[in-house]
Every structure is written in C-alpha cells, then in structure tokens.
Amino acid sequence: MLITTTEQIPGREYEILGIVKGATIQSKHIGKDFGAGLKSIVGGELTGYTEMMEEARGIAEQRMVAEANKMQADAIVCARFSTSAIMQGAAEVMAFGTAVIFK
C-alpha cells in the first residue's frame, strides 16, 4: 500500500474511493508516568512518552491501511496524523487520508 502526504502521485491517475481513518488511545503505566514526572523537573526527552506515541502512530496507521484494504484501495493520498491529549498520560492518535484506486 502506497501512503503519501501529497495530493498527487506523479505519473499515476486514480479514482477517489473515500476517506479512511484509524485511531487509538494509548497510555503509560503509573511507573512510567511517575518517572516522566521526575524527568520533567530536570528537563530532557521523555522517552517513555516518545515510545508510546511512536507505537500509537503505528497502530493508527495500520488501522487506516486496513480500512483502505477493505475498500480495495491501491494507495492513500493526503495522509495526515492528528494527536490530542485525552487525560494526563494518555493521548489519542488518529491517522487519516483519502483512499484511491489506480486507473
């Protein structure tokens, strides 16, 4: 499955099938959250949260691709990610784009 952030795919004509999306809400366990709180006092990267968000993006993207596969899409154009805080230590990540089939 080709996934691109661009609207056009050079040299390819396609038909739009529709919007596809995938989402997840991730959180870290209390130990990681406590460690991140301590880290925020001295500064630096909160690696536990970085890992959590990377995992969440991967899950959201997989779910978006699964939805596109159900539509028998060849590609997803205009792919984007959106993130929002749900509560302290938890975030929603959504992947969305336009499923297309090549002519």
C-alpha atoms as a PDB file:
ATOM      1  CA  MET A   1       0.000   0.000   0.000  1.00  0.00           C
ATOM      2  CA  LEU A   2       1.429   3.326  -1.074  1.00  0.00           C
ATOM      3  CA  ILE A   3       0.894   6.059   1.525  1.00  0.00           C
ATOM      4  CA  THR A   4       1.777   9.631   0.665  1.00  0.00           C
ATOM      5  CA  THR A   5       1.211  13.044   2.202  1.00  0.00           C
ATOM      6  CA  THR A   6       0.911  14.596  -1.262  1.00  0.00           C
ATOM      7  CA  GLU A   7      -2.334  15.023  -3.165  1.00  0.00           C
ATOM      8  CA  GLN A   8      -0.910  13.818  -6.470  1.00  0.00           C
ATOM      9  CA  ILE A   9       1.166  10.758  -7.328  1.00  0.00           C
ATOM     10  CA  PRO A  10       3.432  11.684 -10.242  1.00  0.00           C
ATOM     11  CA  GLY A  11       2.635   9.672 -13.365  1.00  0.00           C
ATOM     12  CA  ARG A  12      -0.456   7.990 -11.868  1.00  0.00           C
ATOM     13  CA  GLU A  13      -4.131   8.619 -12.455  1.00  0.00           C
ATOM     14  CA  TYR A  14      -6.563   7.448  -9.837  1.00  0.00           C
ATOM     15  CA  GLU A  15     -10.143   7.410  -8.724  1.00  0.00           C
ATOM     16  CA  ILE A  16     -11.091   8.510  -5.213  1.00  0.00           C
ATOM     17  CA  LEU A  17     -12.740   5.829  -3.079  1.00  0.00           C
ATOM     18  CA  GLY A  18     -13.240   7.835   0.107  1.00  0.00           C
ATOM     19  CA  ILE A  19     -11.819   8.845   3.452  1.00  0.00           C
ATOM     20  CA  VAL A  20     -10.046   6.231   5.559  1.00  0.00           C
ATOM     21  CA  LYS A  21      -9.002   6.551   9.182  1.00  0.00           C
ATOM     22  CA  GLY A  22      -7.527   4.693  12.087  1.00  0.00           C
ATOM     23  CA  ALA A  23      -7.278   5.719  15.727  1.00  0.00           C
ATOM     24  CA  THR A  24      -6.012   4.555  19.093  1.00  0.00           C
ATOM     25  CA  ILE A  25      -5.752   5.893  22.617  1.00  0.00           C
ATOM     26  CA  GLN A  26      -2.545   5.000  24.425  1.00  0.00           C
ATOM     27  CA  SER A  27      -1.339   5.496  27.972  1.00  0.00           C
ATOM     28  CA  LYS A  28       1.702   4.590  30.028  1.00  0.00           C
ATOM     29  CA  HIS A  29       1.543   2.700  33.294  1.00  0.00           C
ATOM     30  CA  ILE A  30       1.910   4.550  36.591  1.00  0.00           C
ATOM     31  CA  GLY A  31       5.628   3.739  36.967  1.00  0.00           C
ATOM     32  CA  LYS A  32       6.483   5.288  33.608  1.00  0.00           C
ATOM     33  CA  ASP A  33       4.230   8.262  34.341  1.00  0.00           C
ATOM     34  CA  PHE A  34       5.949   8.845  37.693  1.00  0.00           C
ATOM     35  CA  GLY A  35       9.388   8.603  36.030  1.00  0.00           C
ATOM     36  CA  ALA A  36       8.314  11.112  33.379  1.00  0.00           C
ATOM     37  CA  GLY A  37       7.177  13.492  36.120  1.00  0.00           C
ATOM     38  CA  LEU A  38      10.615  13.323  37.725  1.00  0.00           C
ATOM     39  CA  LYS A  39      12.310  13.804  34.352  1.00  0.00           C
ATOM     40  CA  SER A  40      10.275  16.935  33.696  1.00  0.00           C
ATOM     41  CA  ILE A  41      11.908  18.543  36.732  1.00  0.00           C
ATOM     42  CA  VAL A  42      15.419  18.310  35.246  1.00  0.00           C
ATOM     43  CA  GLY A  43      14.461  18.512  31.578  1.00  0.00           C
ATOM     44  CA  GLY A  44      15.199  16.293  28.603  1.00  0.00           C
ATOM     45  CA  GLU A  45      13.316  13.882  26.411  1.00  0.00           C
ATOM     46  CA  LEU A  46      10.555  11.839  27.987  1.00  0.00           C
ATOM     47  CA  THR A  47      11.499   8.609  26.210  1.00  0.00           C
ATOM     48  CA  GLY A  48       8.582   6.637  27.648  1.00  0.00           C
ATOM     49  CA  TYR A  49       6.144   9.066  26.072  1.00  0.00           C
ATOM     50  CA  THR A  50       8.119   9.175  22.834  1.00  0.00           C
ATOM     51  CA  GLU A  51       7.876   5.386  22.610  1.00  0.00           C
ATOM     52  CA  MET A  52       4.172   5.486  23.490  1.00  0.00           C
ATOM     53  CA  MET A  53       3.429   7.996  20.715  1.00  0.00           C
ATOM     54  CA  GLU A  54       5.511   6.093  18.154  1.00  0.00           C
ATOM     55  CA  GLU A  55       3.580   2.918  18.987  1.00  0.00           C
ATOM     56  CA  ALA A  56       0.266   4.787  18.800  1.00  0.00           C
ATOM     57  CA  ARG A  57       1.102   6.243  15.378  1.00  0.00           C
ATOM     58  CA  GLY A  58       1.965   2.763  14.119  1.00  0.00           C
ATOM     59  CA  ILE A  59      -1.326   1.302  15.364  1.00  0.00           C
ATOM     60  CA  ALA A  60      -3.377   4.179  13.925  1.00  0.00           C
ATOM     61  CA  GLU A  61      -1.619   3.837  10.562  1.00  0.00           C
ATOM     62  CA  GLN A  62      -2.207   0.063  10.489  1.00  0.00           C
ATOM     63  CA  ARG A  63      -5.908   0.592  11.160  1.00  0.00           C
ATOM     64  CA  MET A  64      -6.122   3.228   8.413  1.00  0.00           C
ATOM     65  CA  VAL A  65      -4.446   0.838   5.948  1.00  0.00           C
ATOM     66  CA  ALA A  66      -6.796  -1.989   6.985  1.00  0.00           C
ATOM     67  CA  GLU A  67      -9.773   0.248   6.204  1.00  0.00           C
ATOM     68  CA  ALA A  68      -8.250   1.130   2.816  1.00  0.00           C
ATOM     69  CA  ASN A  69      -7.646  -2.556   2.083  1.00  0.00           C
ATOM     70  CA  LYS A  70     -11.338  -3.291   2.746  1.00  0.00           C
ATOM     71  CA  MET A  71     -12.105  -0.737   0.018  1.00  0.00           C
ATOM     72  CA  GLN A  72      -9.548  -2.476  -2.260  1.00  0.00           C
ATOM     73  CA  ALA A  73      -7.535   0.750  -2.480  1.00  0.00           C
ATOM     74  CA  ASP A  74      -4.125   0.886  -4.138  1.00  0.00           C
ATOM     75  CA  ALA A  75      -2.917   3.923  -2.206  1.00  0.00           C
ATOM     76  CA  ILE A  76      -3.738   6.548   0.392  1.00  0.00           C
ATOM     77  CA  VAL A  77      -3.093  10.170  -0.559  1.00  0.00           C
ATOM     78  CA  CYS A  78      -3.088  13.259   1.658  1.00  0.00           C
ATOM     79  CA  ALA A  79      -2.226  11.123   4.698  1.00  0.00           C
ATOM     80  CA  ARG A  80      -2.131  13.003   7.997  1.00  0.00           C
ATOM     81  CA  PHE A  81      -1.777  12.351  11.726  1.00  0.00           C
ATOM     82  CA  SER A  82      -3.662  14.124  14.479  1.00  0.00           C
ATOM     83  CA  THR A  83      -2.932  13.928  18.205  1.00  0.00           C
ATOM     84  CA  SER A  84      -4.908  15.078  21.197  1.00  0.00           C
ATOM     85  CA  ALA A  85      -4.490  14.678  24.944  1.00  0.00           C
ATOM     86  CA  ILE A  86      -7.329  12.704  26.491  1.00  0.00           C
ATOM     87  CA  MET A  87      -6.109  12.931  30.091  1.00  0.00           C
ATOM     88  CA  GLN A  88      -2.755  13.159  31.835  1.00  0.00           C
ATOM     89  CA  GLY A  89      -0.587  10.359  30.497  1.00  0.00           C
ATOM     90  CA  ALA A  90      -2.990   9.349  27.697  1.00  0.00           C
ATOM     91  CA  ALA A  91      -3.247  10.543  24.112  1.00  0.00           C
ATOM     92  CA  GLU A  92      -5.387   9.803  21.088  1.00  0.00           C
ATOM     93  CA  VAL A  93      -3.644   9.448  17.748  1.00  0.00           C
ATOM     94  CA  MET A  94      -5.624   9.430  14.525  1.00  0.00           C
ATOM     95  CA  ALA A  95      -4.313   8.681  11.048  1.00  0.00           C
ATOM     96  CA  PHE A  96      -6.472   9.697   8.106  1.00  0.00           C
ATOM     97  CA  GLY A  97      -6.276  10.160   4.372  1.00  0.00           C
ATOM     98  CA  THR A  98      -8.026   9.548   1.055  1.00  0.00           C
ATOM     99  CA  ALA A  99      -8.147   6.014  -0.339  1.00  0.00           C
ATOM    100  CA  VAL A 100      -7.654   5.795  -4.102  1.00  0.00           C
ATOM    101  CA  ILE A 101      -7.566   3.120  -6.792  1.00  0.00           C
ATOM    102  CA  PHE A 102      -5.313   3.411  -9.830  1.00  0.00           C
ATOM    103  CA  LYS A 103      -6.877   3.654 -13.298  1.00  0.00           C
END
